[in-house]
Amino acid sequence: MGKHRRPGPPNQPSRATAHVDPADPFTPYEKRRRPPLDQYRRDRPLHGGASHLRPDEPRALEEWDGFSYAPAGTAPDLTAAQAWVHALEFGTVDGEE
């Protein structure tokens, strides 16, 4: 029974310790608006398949809008797509440094 105590992947931070503001009446609903695994941006191959295969093919860029992933554009290859995905984490906007 010990391995089932904490839900979710073992390599992800726990989402159970999120900041809760007792003065905010919408706090219970904010959890539903968070993206899966807290990933606000993601890229997908345009022609399907695994993302690491054929790195020179174009990618579809998707951004979390609070309810689902919405199309945000395209990238010419895997490197540009990953740069766009990680730009939000490092404080840059659309590849600008």
Protein backbone atom coordinates (compact mmCIF):
# COMPACT_ATOMS: atom_id res chain seq x y z
CA MET A 1 0.00 0.00 0.00
CA GLY A 2 2.92 2.37 0.47
CA LYS A 3 3.48 3.05 -3.20
CA HIS A 4 -0.07 4.36 -3.66
CA ARG A 5 0.05 7.09 -1.04
CA ARG A 6 0.86 10.00 -3.35
CA PRO A 7 -0.95 10.26 -6.69
CA GLY A 8 0.90 11.30 -9.81
CA PRO A 9 4.27 10.57 -11.36
CA PRO A 10 7.14 10.23 -8.87
CA ASN A 11 9.37 12.63 -10.81
CA GLN A 12 6.88 15.54 -10.67
CA PRO A 13 6.54 18.01 -7.80
CA SER A 14 3.52 17.55 -5.62
CA ARG A 15 0.53 19.68 -6.57
CA ALA A 16 -1.07 19.14 -3.17
CA THR A 17 0.95 21.93 -1.56
CA ALA A 18 -0.28 24.81 -3.75
CA HIS A 19 -0.71 28.22 -2.13
CA VAL A 20 -4.27 28.70 -0.88
CA ASP A 21 -5.53 32.20 -0.22
CA PRO A 22 -8.36 31.94 2.34
CA ALA A 23 -9.65 35.41 1.39
CA ASP A 24 -10.16 34.49 -2.28
CA PRO A 25 -13.61 32.94 -2.85
CA PHE A 26 -12.49 31.41 -6.16
CA THR A 27 -9.59 29.40 -4.74
CA PRO A 28 -11.37 26.02 -5.09
CA TYR A 29 -11.93 26.66 -8.80
CA GLU A 30 -8.37 27.71 -9.64
CA LYS A 31 -7.15 24.11 -9.41
CA ARG A 32 -9.40 23.15 -12.32
CA ARG A 33 -7.93 25.89 -14.52
CA ARG A 34 -4.34 24.71 -14.18
CA PRO A 35 -2.91 22.78 -17.13
CA PRO A 36 -1.95 19.11 -16.83
CA LEU A 37 1.42 18.80 -15.08
CA ASP A 38 1.63 22.63 -15.01
CA GLN A 39 2.75 22.76 -18.65
CA TYR A 40 1.41 26.03 -20.09
CA ARG A 41 2.97 25.63 -23.54
CA ARG A 42 3.58 22.50 -25.62
CA ASP A 43 4.51 21.48 -29.14
CA ARG A 44 3.20 18.62 -31.27
CA PRO A 45 4.42 17.26 -34.62
CA LEU A 46 2.10 18.40 -37.43
CA HIS A 47 2.07 14.97 -39.05
CA GLY A 48 1.73 12.90 -35.88
CA GLY A 49 4.20 10.50 -34.37
CA ALA A 50 6.66 10.86 -31.54
CA SER A 51 8.04 14.34 -30.92
CA HIS A 52 11.71 13.26 -30.93
CA LEU A 53 11.48 11.54 -34.32
CA ARG A 54 12.09 13.59 -37.48
CA PRO A 55 13.31 16.75 -35.68
CA ASP A 56 13.45 18.73 -38.94
CA GLU A 57 9.67 18.59 -39.54
CA PRO A 58 7.34 21.49 -38.57
CA ARG A 59 5.58 21.56 -35.19
CA ALA A 60 2.24 22.90 -34.01
CA LEU A 61 2.53 25.17 -30.96
CA GLU A 62 -0.23 25.06 -28.34
CA GLU A 63 -0.82 27.27 -25.31
CA TRP A 64 -3.06 26.67 -22.28
CA ASP A 65 -5.94 29.17 -22.20
CA GLY A 66 -7.43 28.18 -18.85
CA PHE A 67 -9.67 25.40 -20.14
CA SER A 68 -7.79 23.56 -22.91
CA TYR A 69 -4.79 23.83 -25.22
CA ALA A 70 -5.38 26.32 -28.05
CA PRO A 71 -3.30 26.65 -31.25
CA ALA A 72 -0.71 29.41 -30.95
CA GLY A 73 1.27 29.00 -34.17
CA THR A 74 3.83 26.78 -35.86
CA ALA A 75 7.56 26.25 -35.63
CA PRO A 76 9.82 25.11 -38.48
CA ASP A 77 11.59 22.42 -36.44
CA LEU A 78 11.95 20.80 -33.03
CA THR A 79 14.66 23.21 -31.83
CA ALA A 80 12.55 26.30 -32.51
CA ALA A 81 9.50 24.65 -30.94
CA GLN A 82 11.39 23.79 -27.75
CA ALA A 83 12.79 27.32 -27.57
CA TRP A 84 9.23 28.69 -27.73
CA VAL A 85 7.98 26.24 -25.08
CA HIS A 86 10.77 27.12 -22.65
CA ALA A 87 10.73 30.89 -23.35
CA LEU A 88 7.89 31.32 -20.85
CA GLU A 89 9.88 29.57 -18.11
CA PHE A 90 12.98 31.71 -18.55
CA GLY A 91 11.20 35.06 -18.92
CA THR A 92 11.81 35.60 -22.63
CA VAL A 93 9.01 36.23 -25.08
CA ASP A 94 8.87 34.41 -28.43
CA GLY A 95 12.57 33.68 -28.55
CA GLU A 96 13.74 37.23 -27.66
CA GLU A 97 16.50 37.39 -25.10
